[in-house]
Amino acid sequence: MSPPGAPYIQVRDALPLPEFIPALGTLFVDPDTLPAGPFLAYDHYGKLSATVYMTPLEDLSNGTAYDGLGIGSHTVSGVDVYFNAGHPGVDRAHAHVVLFHDEDAKSRLAE
């Protein structure tokens, strides 16, 4: 349940982003793991719903590997990968890799 313990902080406290981002939820991150994350994504009820990674495409094409990334839960019911042109916090083009932690997580994060 939200909030996770230290060293995670709520993303909106560090970046000019809303508290809840549709399709991603309320995000928490350890600032030392930026830009890749993991970002822990919670629904409106405070339930951990997804783990999100934001990997800059330029870094990947230059050979950067993001190994040993943390995970919010070992239960994964689905994965989405999609392009993002950039936003506060990760302003370069990057891939969002979203691990959903239960069958209903994606729909709860979309609300």
Protein backbone atom coordinates (compact mmCIF):
# COMPACT_ATOMS: atom_id res chain seq x y z
CA MET A 1 0.00 0.00 0.00
CA SER A 2 1.03 3.59 -0.57
CA PRO A 3 3.29 5.19 0.40
CA PRO A 4 6.33 2.97 0.12
CA GLY A 5 9.13 3.44 2.63
CA ALA A 6 12.41 5.26 2.20
CA PRO A 7 14.22 5.93 -0.05
CA TYR A 8 11.13 6.38 -2.27
CA ILE A 9 9.64 9.85 -2.67
CA GLN A 10 6.46 10.89 -4.43
CA VAL A 11 7.38 12.05 -7.92
CA ARG A 12 5.15 15.14 -7.72
CA ASP A 13 7.23 16.35 -4.75
CA ALA A 14 10.36 16.39 -6.92
CA LEU A 15 9.03 17.23 -10.38
CA PRO A 16 6.30 19.46 -11.84
CA LEU A 17 3.90 16.57 -12.43
CA PRO A 18 0.37 15.93 -11.15
CA GLU A 19 -0.20 13.64 -8.18
CA PHE A 20 -2.00 11.08 -10.35
CA ILE A 21 -0.98 10.54 -13.98
CA PRO A 22 -3.62 8.70 -16.05
CA ALA A 23 -2.29 5.30 -17.20
CA LEU A 24 0.62 5.50 -14.71
CA GLY A 25 -1.02 6.36 -11.40
CA THR A 26 0.60 7.99 -8.37
CA LEU A 27 4.32 7.48 -8.81
CA PHE A 28 7.09 7.06 -6.26
CA VAL A 29 10.81 6.76 -7.08
CA ASP A 30 14.16 6.52 -5.37
CA PRO A 31 15.88 9.67 -6.73
CA ASP A 32 19.19 7.79 -6.95
CA THR A 33 17.73 5.46 -9.60
CA LEU A 34 16.68 8.17 -12.07
CA PRO A 35 16.07 8.19 -14.96
CA ALA A 36 15.32 4.47 -15.29
CA GLY A 37 13.54 3.87 -12.01
CA PRO A 38 11.84 1.71 -10.93
CA PHE A 39 8.86 3.98 -10.41
CA LEU A 40 6.26 2.37 -8.16
CA ALA A 41 2.77 3.13 -9.51
CA TYR A 42 -0.21 3.16 -7.15
CA ASP A 43 -3.90 3.42 -8.01
CA HIS A 44 -6.39 5.84 -6.42
CA TYR A 45 -6.87 3.39 -3.53
CA GLY A 46 -3.16 3.23 -2.67
CA LYS A 47 -2.67 -0.28 -4.08
CA LEU A 48 0.64 -1.02 -5.83
CA SER A 49 -0.49 -1.63 -9.40
CA ALA A 50 2.60 -1.42 -11.57
CA THR A 51 6.34 -0.96 -11.73
CA VAL A 52 7.44 1.50 -14.42
CA TYR A 53 10.84 1.99 -16.03
CA MET A 54 11.72 5.02 -18.17
CA THR A 55 14.78 4.22 -20.26
CA PRO A 56 16.17 7.01 -22.51
CA LEU A 57 16.42 5.79 -26.11
CA GLU A 58 19.68 7.67 -26.69
CA ASP A 59 21.29 5.87 -23.75
CA LEU A 60 20.10 2.49 -25.02
CA SER A 61 21.35 3.16 -28.55
CA ASN A 62 24.73 4.19 -27.09
CA GLY A 63 25.03 0.86 -25.32
CA THR A 64 23.85 1.71 -21.80
CA ALA A 65 22.38 -1.31 -20.06
CA TYR A 66 20.00 -0.98 -17.14
CA ASP A 67 20.75 -4.16 -15.24
CA GLY A 68 19.39 -5.30 -11.92
CA LEU A 69 16.48 -2.85 -11.77
CA GLY A 70 14.20 -3.26 -8.79
CA ILE A 71 10.62 -4.45 -9.02
CA GLY A 72 7.63 -3.45 -6.94
CA SER A 73 6.13 -6.96 -6.89
CA HIS A 74 7.17 -10.33 -8.26
CA THR A 75 3.64 -10.88 -9.55
CA VAL A 76 3.36 -9.59 -13.12
CA SER A 77 0.16 -10.10 -15.10
CA GLY A 78 1.10 -8.07 -18.18
CA VAL A 79 3.69 -5.74 -19.69
CA ASP A 80 3.31 -2.64 -21.88
CA VAL A 81 6.22 -0.95 -23.68
CA TYR A 82 5.69 2.37 -25.45
CA PHE A 83 7.45 5.50 -26.66
CA ASN A 84 7.38 8.83 -24.81
CA ALA A 85 8.86 11.98 -26.38
CA GLY A 86 9.83 13.37 -22.98
CA HIS A 87 8.32 15.02 -19.90
CA PRO A 88 9.56 16.64 -16.68
CA GLY A 89 12.03 14.34 -15.00
CA VAL A 90 12.91 12.40 -18.14
CA ASP A 91 12.99 15.15 -20.76
CA ARG A 92 14.62 13.05 -23.49
CA ALA A 93 12.82 10.54 -25.72
CA HIS A 94 12.47 7.30 -23.81
CA ALA A 95 10.62 4.02 -23.56
CA HIS A 96 8.11 3.36 -20.81
CA VAL A 97 8.19 -0.26 -19.69
CA VAL A 98 5.20 -0.95 -17.45
CA LEU A 99 4.86 -4.19 -15.47
CA PHE A 100 1.27 -4.58 -14.24
CA HIS A 101 0.94 -6.48 -10.98
CA ASP A 102 -2.60 -7.85 -11.31
CA GLU A 103 -5.26 -8.37 -13.96
CA ASP A 104 -7.19 -5.18 -13.11
CA ALA A 105 -4.18 -2.88 -12.59
CA LYS A 106 -4.21 -1.31 -16.05
CA SER A 107 -7.88 -0.33 -15.81
CA ARG A 108 -7.44 1.09 -12.28
CA LEU A 109 -4.50 3.23 -13.42
CA ALA A 110 -6.55 4.53 -16.36
CA GLU A 111 -9.29 5.93 -14.08
